[in-house]
Amino acid sequence: MNPALATVLSNPAIWRGGDCAPDPAAIASGFPELDAVLPGRGWPGGALTEIVLAREGIGEIRLTLPALTRLQAQGRDVVWIAPPHVPYAPALAAAGLDLGRLLIVRCRNPADQLWAYEQALRAPECGAAFAWLGQHDDRVLRRLAVAAREGRTWGVLWRRPGQQALAATASLRLALMPQERRLAVRVLKRRGGDLAQPIVVDVDGHAAGARLAQADCVAPRSSPSSGFPRQPSGESRIPGCPDMACRAPTCLSPILGL
């Protein structure tokens, strides 16, 4: 290859259609098989990722925990906007997440959710901002993508079952589904060549998953100072769990996929 052309092509801002685009701001996922198919070998920093779920509670949050703990170790916060269920703090702490750097934001209406999410994406202290939002038009999503880029924040838009993937401005789009107690990850969109087959990730086999297995399936009430919404009085059984004493990692928080 011509040396001058090789120099041009080595620029991280340039990529060829058959290859994954380089991404100097990528955040290693902690799963080598996933990193191998992601541009920059990790989650896109300073951009939006859209994740579509076939079913909730299949390990989707566990897929993100290694990257979240890595961001927290760099002194950056993690913000979750309008999660659909109460996060189970003991399981998150057991996975290595610093609860002091995890902010859960509850909003009165969709407009407040959008405002809070945009502010989190723009905040320099925020390393990752997750949001469980409804459907919005391209104008709103473009504004969120700009906020993620300016704040250098890894933004994730979670699409619950039945919701369509609509964020054209997302640099990465994945679809997750369970496969024999593991997680099948299909790359729907990335900055690079198409990926014909999904990859299969063993989220239970990760060290974080092993620690999560030590926690109970029953979610006790949280203390007022924990920063997490208070559970109803008494113990609350996780929906769908057949055994009150179950210690399986997938039962710890069904919607948040712990």
Protein backbone atom coordinates (compact mmCIF):
# COMPACT_ATOMS: atom_id res chain seq x y z
CA MET A 1 0.00 0.00 0.00
CA ASN A 2 1.14 3.51 -0.74
CA PRO A 3 2.70 4.96 2.47
CA ALA A 4 0.79 8.21 2.10
CA LEU A 5 -2.50 6.31 1.75
CA ALA A 6 -1.64 4.11 4.72
CA THR A 7 -1.07 7.24 6.81
CA VAL A 8 -4.45 8.62 5.83
CA LEU A 9 -6.25 5.35 6.58
CA SER A 10 -4.60 5.10 10.00
CA ASN A 11 -6.47 8.21 11.12
CA PRO A 12 -9.06 7.11 13.76
CA ALA A 13 -11.66 9.33 12.11
CA ILE A 14 -11.50 7.22 8.92
CA TRP A 15 -12.79 3.71 8.54
CA ARG A 16 -13.60 1.38 5.67
CA GLY A 17 -17.01 -0.16 5.20
CA GLY A 18 -15.88 -3.74 5.76
CA ASP A 19 -14.22 -2.95 9.09
CA CYS A 20 -15.37 -1.73 12.48
CA ALA A 21 -14.83 1.98 12.92
CA PRO A 22 -12.12 2.88 15.44
CA ASP A 23 -13.36 4.64 18.55
CA PRO A 24 -10.67 6.04 20.86
CA ALA A 25 -13.32 6.76 23.53
CA ALA A 26 -14.65 3.19 23.62
CA ILE A 27 -15.26 1.62 27.04
CA ALA A 28 -14.28 -2.04 27.31
CA SER A 29 -17.37 -4.11 28.06
CA GLY A 30 -15.53 -6.73 30.09
CA PHE A 31 -16.71 -9.46 27.71
CA PRO A 32 -14.02 -10.20 25.08
CA GLU A 33 -16.46 -11.81 22.66
CA LEU A 34 -18.59 -8.66 22.69
CA ASP A 35 -15.66 -6.26 22.49
CA ALA A 36 -14.42 -8.12 19.41
CA VAL A 37 -17.46 -7.00 17.39
CA LEU A 38 -17.82 -3.46 18.74
CA PRO A 39 -16.12 -0.47 17.10
CA GLY A 40 -13.13 0.50 19.20
CA ARG A 41 -13.50 -2.83 21.05
CA GLY A 42 -15.97 -1.48 23.56
CA TRP A 43 -19.13 0.51 24.25
CA PRO A 44 -19.13 3.83 22.38
CA GLY A 45 -18.19 6.67 24.70
CA GLY A 46 -19.68 10.04 23.87
CA ALA A 47 -22.54 8.51 21.87
CA LEU A 48 -25.90 6.81 22.15
CA THR A 49 -26.42 3.05 22.24
CA GLU A 50 -29.90 1.67 21.66
CA ILE A 51 -30.66 -1.76 23.17
CA VAL A 52 -33.81 -3.67 22.23
CA LEU A 53 -35.00 -6.40 24.59
CA ALA A 54 -36.85 -9.53 23.56
CA ARG A 55 -37.75 -10.01 27.21
CA GLU A 56 -36.85 -8.21 30.40
CA GLY A 57 -34.77 -9.70 33.17
CA ILE A 58 -32.50 -11.76 30.91
CA GLY A 59 -29.19 -10.33 32.14
CA GLU A 60 -29.21 -7.03 30.28
CA ILE A 61 -27.92 -4.96 33.16
CA ARG A 62 -25.26 -7.51 34.03
CA LEU A 63 -23.98 -7.05 30.50
CA THR A 64 -23.21 -3.41 31.33
CA LEU A 65 -21.91 -3.72 34.90
CA PRO A 66 -18.19 -4.21 34.15
CA ALA A 67 -18.14 -1.03 32.06
CA LEU A 68 -20.10 0.88 34.71
CA THR A 69 -17.71 -0.13 37.48
CA ARG A 70 -14.78 0.87 35.25
CA LEU A 71 -16.28 4.34 34.72
CA GLN A 72 -16.90 4.76 38.43
CA ALA A 73 -13.29 3.83 39.14
CA GLN A 74 -12.36 6.80 36.93
CA GLY A 75 -14.34 9.08 39.24
CA ARG A 76 -17.42 9.41 37.03
CA ASP A 77 -21.05 8.91 38.05
CA VAL A 78 -23.73 6.63 36.65
CA VAL A 79 -27.28 7.94 36.19
CA TRP A 80 -30.42 5.88 35.52
CA ILE A 81 -33.47 7.79 34.32
CA ALA A 82 -36.92 6.27 34.97
CA PRO A 83 -36.00 2.59 35.41
CA PRO A 84 -39.22 0.57 35.19
CA HIS A 85 -38.67 -1.30 38.46
CA VAL A 86 -36.87 -0.72 41.74
CA PRO A 87 -33.15 -1.48 41.39
CA TYR A 88 -31.98 -4.05 43.94
CA ALA A 89 -29.16 -2.24 45.72
CA PRO A 90 -27.51 -5.27 47.44
CA ALA A 91 -27.10 -7.07 44.12
CA LEU A 92 -25.61 -3.99 42.46
CA ALA A 93 -23.18 -3.50 45.34
CA ALA A 94 -22.23 -7.18 45.24
CA ALA A 95 -21.42 -6.75 41.55
CA GLY A 96 -18.94 -3.99 42.42
CA LEU A 97 -21.04 -0.93 41.69
CA ASP A 98 -20.42 2.05 43.97
CA LEU A 99 -23.91 3.04 45.11
CA GLY A 100 -22.58 6.45 46.14
CA ARG A 101 -21.95 7.15 42.46
CA LEU A 102 -25.25 5.74 41.20
CA LEU A 103 -28.13 8.21 40.83
CA ILE A 104 -31.68 7.01 40.24
CA VAL A 105 -33.98 9.70 38.82
CA ARG A 106 -37.77 9.37 39.00
CA CYS A 107 -39.82 11.83 36.95
CA ARG A 108 -43.44 12.96 36.96
CA ASN A 109 -43.91 12.92 33.20
CA PRO A 110 -42.12 12.18 29.89
CA ALA A 111 -41.05 15.80 29.47
CA ASP A 112 -39.22 15.70 32.79
CA GLN A 113 -37.59 12.40 31.79
CA LEU A 114 -36.20 13.95 28.60
CA TRP A 115 -34.94 17.02 30.43
CA ALA A 116 -33.24 14.94 33.13
CA TYR A 117 -31.68 12.61 30.58
CA GLU A 118 -30.28 15.43 28.49
CA GLN A 119 -28.79 17.09 31.57
CA ALA A 120 -27.16 13.81 32.63
CA LEU A 121 -25.70 13.26 29.17
CA ARG A 122 -24.20 16.75 29.15
CA ALA A 123 -22.80 16.62 32.69
CA PRO A 124 -19.00 16.14 32.66
CA GLU A 125 -19.23 14.19 35.93
CA CYS A 126 -21.49 11.58 34.32
CA GLY A 127 -19.79 8.62 32.67
CA ALA A 128 -22.91 6.67 31.72
CA ALA A 129 -26.57 7.65 31.50
CA PHE A 130 -29.23 4.98 31.02
CA ALA A 131 -32.84 5.85 30.22
CA TRP A 132 -36.04 3.87 29.85
CA LEU A 133 -38.10 6.25 27.74
CA GLY A 134 -41.08 6.10 25.44
CA GLN A 135 -40.94 6.76 21.71
CA HIS A 136 -39.72 10.18 20.56
CA ASP A 137 -39.18 11.85 17.23
CA ASP A 138 -35.84 12.22 15.45
CA ARG A 139 -35.44 15.84 16.52
CA VAL A 140 -35.45 14.89 20.19
CA LEU A 141 -33.10 11.95 19.64
CA ARG A 142 -30.65 14.09 17.66
CA ARG A 143 -30.52 16.51 20.57
CA LEU A 144 -29.76 13.63 22.94
CA ALA A 145 -26.99 12.39 20.64
CA VAL A 146 -25.42 15.84 20.64
CA ALA A 147 -25.64 15.98 24.44
CA ALA A 148 -23.88 12.61 24.74
CA ARG A 149 -21.11 13.75 22.40
CA GLU A 150 -20.58 17.06 24.18
CA GLY A 151 -20.62 15.45 27.62
CA ARG A 152 -18.43 12.51 26.53
CA THR A 153 -21.07 10.26 28.10
CA TRP A 154 -22.04 6.70 27.23
CA GLY A 155 -25.78 7.03 26.76
CA VAL A 156 -28.04 3.97 26.58
CA LEU A 157 -31.66 4.02 25.42
CA TRP A 158 -33.39 0.86 26.64
CA ARG A 159 -36.25 -0.38 24.48
CA ARG A 160 -38.64 -2.57 26.43
CA PRO A 161 -40.45 -5.49 24.75
CA GLY A 162 -42.91 -4.19 22.18
CA GLN A 163 -41.03 -0.94 21.63
CA GLN A 164 -39.33 -0.33 18.30
CA ALA A 165 -35.78 0.83 17.78
CA LEU A 166 -36.11 4.33 16.37
CA ALA A 167 -32.95 6.22 17.31
CA ALA A 168 -31.33 6.77 13.92
CA THR A 169 -28.69 8.86 15.67
CA ALA A 170 -27.55 5.95 17.87
CA SER A 171 -24.06 4.86 16.83
CA LEU A 172 -24.71 1.33 18.10
CA ARG A 173 -27.92 -0.71 18.20
CA LEU A 174 -28.17 -4.15 19.76
CA ALA A 175 -30.96 -6.69 20.25
CA LEU A 176 -30.77 -9.03 23.25
CA MET A 177 -32.51 -12.33 23.75
CA PRO A 178 -31.97 -15.30 26.08
CA GLN A 179 -30.30 -18.40 24.73
CA GLU A 180 -29.78 -21.43 26.96
CA ARG A 181 -29.07 -19.42 30.14
CA ARG A 182 -26.80 -17.10 28.21
CA LEU A 183 -27.39 -13.87 26.32
CA ALA A 184 -27.55 -13.72 22.53
CA VAL A 185 -26.45 -10.30 21.28
CA ARG A 186 -27.38 -9.34 17.73
CA VAL A 187 -25.69 -6.26 16.30
CA LEU A 188 -28.38 -4.38 14.38
CA LYS A 189 -26.25 -1.34 13.66
CA ARG A 190 -22.62 -0.40 14.15
CA ARG A 191 -20.07 1.80 12.45
CA GLY A 192 -18.62 -0.94 10.33
CA GLY A 193 -19.51 -4.00 8.33
CA ASP A 194 -22.62 -6.06 8.98
CA LEU A 195 -22.52 -8.95 11.43
CA ALA A 196 -24.62 -11.82 10.12
CA GLN A 197 -24.83 -13.94 13.26
CA PRO A 198 -25.42 -12.96 16.89
CA ILE A 199 -22.72 -13.58 19.46
CA VAL A 200 -23.48 -15.42 22.69
CA VAL A 201 -22.28 -13.98 25.99
CA ASP A 202 -22.15 -15.87 29.27
CA VAL A 203 -23.06 -13.09 31.69
CA ASP A 204 -23.42 -15.61 34.53
CA GLY A 205 -19.86 -16.76 34.01
CA HIS A 206 -18.45 -13.29 34.61
CA ALA A 207 -16.98 -12.60 38.02
CA ALA A 208 -19.71 -10.07 38.69
CA GLY A 209 -22.30 -12.71 37.95
CA ALA A 210 -20.67 -15.07 40.40
CA ARG A 211 -20.89 -12.46 43.15
CA LEU A 212 -24.50 -11.74 42.29
CA ALA A 213 -25.37 -15.39 42.88
CA GLN A 214 -24.72 -14.87 46.59
CA ALA A 215 -27.64 -12.46 47.00
CA ASP A 216 -31.21 -13.45 47.84
CA CYS A 217 -34.14 -13.21 45.47
CA VAL A 218 -36.22 -11.40 48.12
CA ALA A 219 -35.82 -7.63 47.95
CA PRO A 220 -36.02 -6.10 51.47
CA ARG A 221 -37.07 -2.56 52.16
CA SER A 222 -34.34 -0.02 51.61
CA SER A 223 -33.27 2.50 54.21
CA PRO A 224 -34.23 6.17 53.72
CA SER A 225 -30.57 7.07 53.16
CA SER A 226 -29.89 4.45 50.50
CA GLY A 227 -31.00 6.62 47.58
CA PHE A 228 -33.27 3.86 46.29
CA PRO A 229 -37.07 3.94 46.35
CA ARG A 230 -38.55 2.28 49.42
CA GLN A 231 -40.10 -1.13 48.92
CA PRO A 232 -43.64 -1.77 50.18
CA SER A 233 -43.84 -3.00 53.76
CA GLY A 234 -42.82 -6.60 54.22
CA GLU A 235 -40.88 -8.71 51.78
CA SER A 236 -41.69 -8.47 48.10
CA ARG A 237 -41.45 -11.57 46.01
CA ILE A 238 -39.86 -11.12 42.62
CA PRO A 239 -42.58 -11.69 39.97
CA GLY A 240 -42.16 -14.93 38.11
CA CYS A 241 -39.74 -16.45 40.60
CA PRO A 242 -40.97 -19.93 41.57
CA ASP A 243 -38.97 -20.13 44.77
CA MET A 244 -38.85 -17.56 47.58
CA ALA A 245 -35.39 -18.82 48.54
CA CYS A 246 -34.07 -18.75 44.98
CA ARG A 247 -30.51 -17.46 44.68
CA ALA A 248 -30.24 -17.59 40.90
CA PRO A 249 -28.66 -14.40 39.47
CA THR A 250 -31.48 -13.97 36.95
CA CYS A 251 -34.02 -13.69 39.77
CA LEU A 252 -32.40 -10.80 41.61
CA SER A 253 -34.17 -8.09 39.65
CA PRO A 254 -36.31 -9.29 36.76
CA ILE A 255 -36.75 -6.07 34.84
CA LEU A 256 -33.23 -4.77 35.34
CA GLY A 257 -31.80 -8.09 34.31
CA LEU A 258 -29.57 -8.73 37.29
